[in-house]
């Protein structure tokens, strides 16, 4: 019976350790998910800035052509 109690204690300790490991992986996964979300948001912002800059560039080109023909 002592052997069974020790085996049970060992298994309980192992279970506790594994639960801690799983919790750590869940936290890392959550952090990774938030990081990906933040990067996606940043990417969308950069896309908007690129579109704005392209528009500004085209306006500048049109204005330059207009001045050249004036």
PDB file of N, CA and C in Angstrom:
ATOM      1  N   UNK A   1       0.839  -1.201   0.000  1.00  0.00           N
ATOM      2  CA  UNK A   1       0.000   0.000   0.000  1.00  0.00           C
ATOM      3  C   UNK A   1       0.877   1.256   0.000  1.00  0.00           C
ATOM      4  N   UNK A   2       1.986   1.214   0.729  1.00  0.00           N
ATOM      5  CA  UNK A   2       2.909   2.353   0.719  1.00  0.00           C
ATOM      6  C   UNK A   2       3.405   2.647  -0.694  1.00  0.00           C
ATOM      7  N   UNK A   3       3.696   1.586  -1.412  1.00  0.00           N
ATOM      8  CA  UNK A   3       4.180   1.734  -2.783  1.00  0.00           C
ATOM      9  C   UNK A   3       3.125   2.415  -3.655  1.00  0.00           C
ATOM     10  N   UNK A   4       1.865   2.033  -3.466  1.00  0.00           N
ATOM     11  CA  UNK A   4       0.782   2.644  -4.237  1.00  0.00           C
ATOM     12  C   UNK A   4       0.616   4.117  -3.871  1.00  0.00           C
ATOM     13  N   UNK A   5       0.762   4.442  -2.590  1.00  0.00           N
ATOM     14  CA  UNK A   5       0.655   5.841  -2.156  1.00  0.00           C
ATOM     15  C   UNK A   5       1.775   6.678  -2.766  1.00  0.00           C
ATOM     16  N   UNK A   6       2.982   6.111  -2.765  1.00  0.00           N
ATOM     17  CA  UNK A   6       4.108   6.843  -3.363  1.00  0.00           C
ATOM     18  C   UNK A   6       3.900   7.024  -4.868  1.00  0.00           C
ATOM     19  N   UNK A   7       3.393   5.979  -5.501  1.00  0.00           N
ATOM     20  CA  UNK A   7       3.123   6.060  -6.944  1.00  0.00           C
ATOM     21  C   UNK A   7       2.062   7.128  -7.215  1.00  0.00           C
ATOM     22  N   UNK A   8       1.026   7.155  -6.365  1.00  0.00           N
ATOM     23  CA  UNK A   8      -0.029   8.160  -6.508  1.00  0.00           C
ATOM     24  C   UNK A   8       0.551   9.556  -6.311  1.00  0.00           C
ATOM     25  N   UNK A   9       1.381   9.736  -5.297  1.00  0.00           N
ATOM     26  CA  UNK A   9       2.009  11.036  -5.047  1.00  0.00           C
ATOM     27  C   UNK A   9       2.875  11.464  -6.230  1.00  0.00           C
ATOM     28  N   UNK A  10       3.617  10.503  -6.765  1.00  0.00           N
ATOM     29  CA  UNK A  10       4.470  10.790  -7.923  1.00  0.00           C
ATOM     30  C   UNK A  10       3.620  11.231  -9.109  1.00  0.00           C
ATOM     31  N   UNK A  11       2.521  10.519  -9.325  1.00  0.00           N
ATOM     32  CA  UNK A  11       1.640  10.865 -10.440  1.00  0.00           C
ATOM     33  C   UNK A  11       0.979  12.225 -10.224  1.00  0.00           C
ATOM     34  N   UNK A  12       0.606  12.521  -8.981  1.00  0.00           N
ATOM     35  CA  UNK A  12       0.010  13.826  -8.675  1.00  0.00           C
ATOM     36  C   UNK A  12       1.015  14.950  -8.945  1.00  0.00           C
ATOM     37  N   UNK A  13       2.257  14.715  -8.540  1.00  0.00           N
ATOM     38  CA  UNK A  13       3.310  15.707  -8.775  1.00  0.00           C
ATOM     39  C   UNK A  13       3.522  15.911 -10.267  1.00  0.00           C
ATOM     40  N   UNK A  14       3.551  14.809 -10.997  1.00  0.00           N
ATOM     41  CA  UNK A  14       3.727  14.878 -12.451  1.00  0.00           C
ATOM     42  C   UNK A  14       2.553  15.601 -13.105  1.00  0.00           C
ATOM     43  N   UNK A  15       1.356  15.308 -12.637  1.00  0.00           N
ATOM     44  CA  UNK A  15       0.161  15.963 -13.169  1.00  0.00           C
ATOM     45  C   UNK A  15       0.241  17.469 -12.925  1.00  0.00           C
ATOM     46  N   UNK A  16       0.620  17.851 -11.723  1.00  0.00           N
ATOM     47  CA  UNK A  16       0.742  19.264 -11.381  1.00  0.00           C
ATOM     48  C   UNK A  16       1.776  19.958 -12.273  1.00  0.00           C
ATOM     49  N   UNK A  17       2.907  19.288 -12.467  1.00  0.00           N
ATOM     50  CA  UNK A  17       3.962  19.834 -13.327  1.00  0.00           C
ATOM     51  C   UNK A  17       3.446  20.025 -14.755  1.00  0.00           C
ATOM     52  N   UNK A  18       2.743  19.010 -15.266  1.00  0.00           N
ATOM     53  CA  UNK A  18       2.227  19.087 -16.632  1.00  0.00           C
ATOM     54  C   UNK A  18       1.168  20.183 -16.766  1.00  0.00           C
ATOM     55  N   UNK A  19       0.347  20.351 -15.734  1.00  0.00           N
ATOM     56  CA  UNK A  19      -0.653  21.418 -15.772  1.00  0.00           C
ATOM     57  C   UNK A  19       0.030  22.788 -15.827  1.00  0.00           C
ATOM     58  N   UNK A  20       1.111  22.916 -15.074  1.00  0.00           N
ATOM     59  CA  UNK A  20       1.877  24.166 -15.098  1.00  0.00           C
ATOM     60  C   UNK A  20       2.477  24.395 -16.481  1.00  0.00           C
ATOM     61  N   UNK A  21       3.006  23.331 -17.076  1.00  0.00           N
ATOM     62  CA  UNK A  21       3.571  23.422 -18.431  1.00  0.00           C
ATOM     63  C   UNK A  21       2.498  23.861 -19.431  1.00  0.00           C
ATOM     64  N   UNK A  22       1.342  23.224 -19.348  1.00  0.00           N
ATOM     65  CA  UNK A  22       0.249  23.549 -20.268  1.00  0.00           C
ATOM     66  C   UNK A  22      -0.157  25.011 -20.100  1.00  0.00           C
ATOM     67  N   UNK A  23      -0.261  25.464 -18.864  1.00  0.00           N
ATOM     68  CA  UNK A  23      -0.624  26.862 -18.607  1.00  0.00           C
ATOM     69  C   UNK A  23       0.411  27.805 -19.229  1.00  0.00           C
ATOM     70  N   UNK A  24       1.676  27.447 -19.099  1.00  0.00           N
ATOM     71  CA  UNK A  24       2.735  28.262 -19.704  1.00  0.00           C
ATOM     72  C   UNK A  24       2.591  28.336 -21.212  1.00  0.00           C
ATOM     73  N   UNK A  25       2.288  27.196 -21.835  1.00  0.00           N
ATOM     74  CA  UNK A  25       2.104  27.187 -23.289  1.00  0.00           C
ATOM     75  C   UNK A  25       0.877  27.993 -23.695  1.00  0.00           C
ATOM     76  N   UNK A  26      -0.169  27.924 -22.893  1.00  0.00           N
ATOM     77  CA  UNK A  26      -1.375  28.719 -23.196  1.00  0.00           C
ATOM     78  C   UNK A  26      -1.056  30.207 -23.143  1.00  0.00           C
ATOM     79  N   UNK A  27      -0.291  30.608 -22.124  1.00  0.00           N
ATOM     80  CA  UNK A  27       0.077  32.019 -22.007  1.00  0.00           C
ATOM     81  C   UNK A  27       0.940  32.456 -23.192  1.00  0.00           C
ATOM     82  N   UNK A  28       1.897  31.611 -23.585  1.00  0.00           N
ATOM     83  CA  UNK A  28       2.744  31.941 -24.735  1.00  0.00           C
ATOM     84  C   UNK A  28       1.909  32.024 -26.006  1.00  0.00           C
ATOM     85  N   UNK A  29       0.951  31.122 -26.150  1.00  0.00           N
ATOM     86  CA  UNK A  29       0.083  31.127 -27.318  1.00  0.00           C
ATOM     87  C   UNK A  29      -0.750  32.407 -27.358  1.00  0.00           C
ATOM     88  N   UNK A  30      -1.243  32.815 -26.195  1.00  0.00           N
ATOM     89  CA  UNK A  30      -2.038  34.033 -26.106  1.00  0.00           C
ATOM     90  C   UNK A  30      -1.198  35.253 -26.482  1.00  0.00           C
ATOM     91  N   UNK A  31       0.030  35.300 -25.985  1.00  0.00           N
ATOM     92  CA  UNK A  31       0.935  36.407 -26.316  1.00  0.00           C
ATOM     93  C   UNK A  31       1.218  36.418 -27.816  1.00  0.00           C
ATOM     94  N   UNK A  32       1.476  35.245 -28.375  1.00  0.00           N
ATOM     95  CA  UNK A  32       1.751  35.146 -29.813  1.00  0.00           C
ATOM     96  C   UNK A  32       0.544  35.608 -30.624  1.00  0.00           C
ATOM     97  N   UNK A  33      -0.640  35.227 -30.178  1.00  0.00           N
ATOM     98  CA  UNK A  33      -1.861  35.613 -30.876  1.00  0.00           C
ATOM     99  C   UNK A  33      -2.040  37.133 -30.853  1.00  0.00           C
ATOM    100  N   UNK A  34      -1.800  37.739 -29.687  1.00  0.00           N
ATOM    101  CA  UNK A  34      -1.910  39.202 -29.582  1.00  0.00           C
ATOM    102  C   UNK A  34      -0.856  39.884 -30.457  1.00  0.00           C
ATOM    103  N   UNK A  35       0.338  39.318 -30.489  1.00  0.00           N
ATOM    104  CA  UNK A  35       1.409  39.886 -31.310  1.00  0.00           C
ATOM    105  C   UNK A  35       1.028  39.850 -32.786  1.00  0.00           C
ATOM    106  N   UNK A  36       0.486  38.722 -33.235  1.00  0.00           N
ATOM    107  CA  UNK A  36       0.052  38.596 -34.632  1.00  0.00           C
ATOM    108  C   UNK A  36      -1.046  39.613 -34.928  1.00  0.00           C
ATOM    109  N   UNK A  37      -1.985  39.755 -34.011  1.00  0.00           N
ATOM    110  CA  UNK A  37      -3.072  40.715 -34.191  1.00  0.00           C
ATOM    111  C   UNK A  37      -2.524  42.141 -34.294  1.00  0.00           C
ATOM    112  N   UNK A  38      -1.583  42.476 -33.409  1.00  0.00           N
ATOM    113  CA  UNK A  38      -0.975  43.813 -33.447  1.00  0.00           C
ATOM    114  C   UNK A  38      -0.221  44.043 -34.754  1.00  0.00           C
ATOM    115  N   UNK A  39       0.490  43.020 -35.216  1.00  0.00           N
ATOM    116  CA  UNK A  39       1.224  43.147 -36.479  1.00  0.00           C
ATOM    117  C   UNK A  39       0.264  43.315 -37.655  1.00  0.00           C
ATOM    118  N   UNK A  40      -0.856  42.603 -37.624  1.00  0.00           N
ATOM    119  CA  UNK A  40      -1.855  42.753 -38.687  1.00  0.00           C
ATOM    120  C   UNK A  40      -2.421  44.169 -38.701  1.00  0.00           C
ATOM    121  N   UNK A  41      -2.711  44.700 -37.506  1.00  0.00           N
ATOM    122  CA  UNK A  41      -3.211  46.078 -37.415  1.00  0.00           C
ATOM    123  C   UNK A  41      -2.171  47.061 -37.952  1.00  0.00           C
ATOM    124  N   UNK A  42      -0.917  46.848 -37.571  1.00  0.00           N
ATOM    125  CA  UNK A  42       0.159  47.727 -38.029  1.00  0.00           C
ATOM    126  C   UNK A  42       0.303  47.641 -39.549  1.00  0.00           C
ATOM    127  N   UNK A  43       0.177  46.436 -40.083  1.00  0.00           N
ATOM    128  CA  UNK A  43       0.269  46.233 -41.529  1.00  0.00           C
ATOM    129  C   UNK A  43      -0.842  46.994 -42.254  1.00  0.00           C
ATOM    130  N   UNK A  44      -2.061  46.941 -41.699  1.00  0.00           N
ATOM    131  CA  UNK A  44      -3.179  47.673 -42.304  1.00  0.00           C
ATOM    132  C   UNK A  44      -2.898  49.172 -42.286  1.00  0.00           C
ATOM    133  N   UNK A  45      -2.338  49.646 -41.179  1.00  0.00           N
ATOM    134  CA  UNK A  45      -1.994  51.059 -41.063  1.00  0.00           C
ATOM    135  C   UNK A  45      -0.952  51.447 -42.113  1.00  0.00           C
ATOM    136  N   UNK A  46       0.054  50.593 -42.278  1.00  0.00           N
ATOM    137  CA  UNK A  46       1.083  50.866 -43.292  1.00  0.00           C
ATOM    138  C   UNK A  46       0.484  50.862 -44.692  1.00  0.00           C
ATOM    139  N   UNK A  47      -0.440  49.936 -44.956  1.00  0.00           N
ATOM    140  CA  UNK A  47      -1.105  49.900 -46.262  1.00  0.00           C
ATOM    141  C   UNK A  47      -1.833  51.217 -46.523  1.00  0.00           C
ATOM    142  N   UNK A  48      -2.518  51.731 -45.499  1.00  0.00           N
ATOM    143  CA  UNK A  48      -3.231  53.005 -45.637  1.00  0.00           C
ATOM    144  C   UNK A  48      -2.251  54.142 -45.916  1.00  0.00           C
ATOM    145  N   UNK A  49      -1.128  54.130 -45.211  1.00  0.00           N
ATOM    146  CA  UNK A  49      -0.124  55.177 -45.420  1.00  0.00           C
ATOM    147  C   UNK A  49       0.451  55.102 -46.833  1.00  0.00           C
ATOM    148  N   UNK A  50       0.676  53.894 -47.323  1.00  0.00           N
ATOM    149  CA  UNK A  50       1.206  53.717 -48.685  1.00  0.00           C
ATOM    150  C   UNK A  50       0.210  54.260 -49.706  1.00  0.00           C
ATOM    151  N   UNK A  51      -1.067  53.951 -49.520  1.00  0.00           N
ATOM    152  CA  UNK A  51      -2.099  54.450 -50.436  1.00  0.00           C
ATOM    153  C   UNK A  51      -2.113  55.977 -50.422  1.00  0.00           C
ATOM    154  N   UNK A  52      -2.031  56.554 -49.223  1.00  0.00           N
ATOM    155  CA  UNK A  52      -2.013  58.016 -49.090  1.00  0.00           C
ATOM    156  C   UNK A  52      -0.789  58.611 -49.797  1.00  0.00           C
ATOM    157  N   UNK A  53       0.366  57.996 -49.595  1.00  0.00           N
ATOM    158  CA  UNK A  53       1.597  58.498 -50.225  1.00  0.00           C
ATOM    159  C   UNK A  53       1.534  58.384 -51.748  1.00  0.00           C
ATOM    160  N   UNK A  54       0.955  57.284 -52.244  1.00  0.00           N
ATOM    161  CA  UNK A  54       0.803  57.137 -53.698  1.00  0.00           C
ATOM    162  C   UNK A  54      -0.095  58.243 -54.247  1.00  0.00           C
ATOM    163  N   UNK A  55      -1.171  58.530 -53.517  1.00  0.00           N
ATOM    164  CA  UNK A  55      -2.074  59.607 -53.932  1.00  0.00           C
ATOM    165  C   UNK A  55      -1.360  60.948 -53.942  1.00  0.00           C
ATOM    166  N   UNK A  56      -0.588  61.212 -52.894  1.00  0.00           N
ATOM    167  CA  UNK A  56       0.167  62.468 -52.824  1.00  0.00           C
ATOM    168  C   UNK A  56       1.180  62.558 -53.959  1.00  0.00           C
ATOM    169  N   UNK A  57       1.831  61.440 -54.261  1.00  0.00           N
ATOM    170  CA  UNK A  57       2.818  61.407 -55.340  1.00  0.00           C
ATOM    171  C   UNK A  57       2.154  61.709 -56.681  1.00  0.00           C
ATOM    172  N   UNK A  58       0.997  61.094 -56.919  1.00  0.00           N
ATOM    173  CA  UNK A  58       0.286  61.354 -58.176  1.00  0.00           C
ATOM    174  C   UNK A  58      -0.130  62.817 -58.282  1.00  0.00           C
ATOM    175  N   UNK A  59      -0.606  63.383 -57.177  1.00  0.00           N
ATOM    176  CA  UNK A  59      -0.969  64.808 -57.185  1.00  0.00           C
ATOM    177  C   UNK A  59       0.252  65.656 -57.521  1.00  0.00           C
ATOM    178  N   UNK A  60       1.391  65.301 -56.922  1.00  0.00           N
ATOM    179  CA  UNK A  60       2.625  66.046 -57.193  1.00  0.00           C
ATOM    180  C   UNK A  60       3.042  65.942 -58.650  1.00  0.00           C
ATOM    181  N   UNK A  61       2.915  64.746 -59.209  1.00  0.00           N
ATOM    182  CA  UNK A  61       3.268  64.544 -60.622  1.00  0.00           C
ATOM    183  C   UNK A  61       2.336  65.359 -61.518  1.00  0.00           C
ATOM    184  N   UNK A  62       1.040  65.302 -61.233  1.00  0.00           N
ATOM    185  CA  UNK A  62       0.076  66.059 -62.039  1.00  0.00           C
ATOM    186  C   UNK A  62       0.351  67.556 -61.948  1.00  0.00           C
ATOM    187  N   UNK A  63       0.657  68.017 -60.746  1.00  0.00           N
ATOM    188  CA  UNK A  63       0.936  69.446 -60.549  1.00  0.00           C
ATOM    189  C   UNK A  63       2.205  69.848 -61.305  1.00  0.00           C
ATOM    190  N   UNK A  64       3.222  68.980 -61.259  1.00  0.00           N
ATOM    191  CA  UNK A  64       4.476  69.252 -61.967  1.00  0.00           C
ATOM    192  C   UNK A  64       4.231  69.327 -63.475  1.00  0.00           C
ATOM    193  N   UNK A  65       3.435  68.398 -63.992  1.00  0.00           N
ATOM    194  CA  UNK A  65       3.105  68.412 -65.426  1.00  0.00           C
ATOM    195  C   UNK A  65       2.327  69.679 -65.769  1.00  0.00           C
ATOM    196  N   UNK A  66       1.373  70.034 -64.905  1.00  0.00           N
ATOM    197  CA  UNK A  66       0.579  71.249 -65.117  1.00  0.00           C
ATOM    198  C   UNK A  66       1.492  72.473 -65.172  1.00  0.00           C
ATOM    199  N   UNK A  67       2.439  72.563 -64.235  1.00  0.00           N
ATOM    200  CA  UNK A  67       3.361  73.705 -64.217  1.00  0.00           C
ATOM    201  C   UNK A  67       4.257  73.709 -65.450  1.00  0.00           C
ATOM    202  N   UNK A  68       4.672  72.529 -65.878  1.00  0.00           N
ATOM    203  CA  UNK A  68       5.554  72.442 -67.047  1.00  0.00           C
ATOM    204  C   UNK A  68       4.832  72.901 -68.310  1.00  0.00           C
ATOM    205  N   UNK A  69       3.544  72.635 -68.396  1.00  0.00           N
ATOM    206  CA  UNK A  69       2.785  73.014 -69.583  1.00  0.00           C
ATOM    207  C   UNK A  69       2.281  74.452 -69.525  1.00  0.00           C
ATOM    208  N   UNK A  70       2.360  75.048 -68.352  1.00  0.00           N
ATOM    209  CA  UNK A  70       1.823  76.417 -68.211  1.00  0.00           C
ATOM    210  C   UNK A  70       2.740  77.448 -68.816  1.00  0.00           C
TER     211      UNK A  70
END
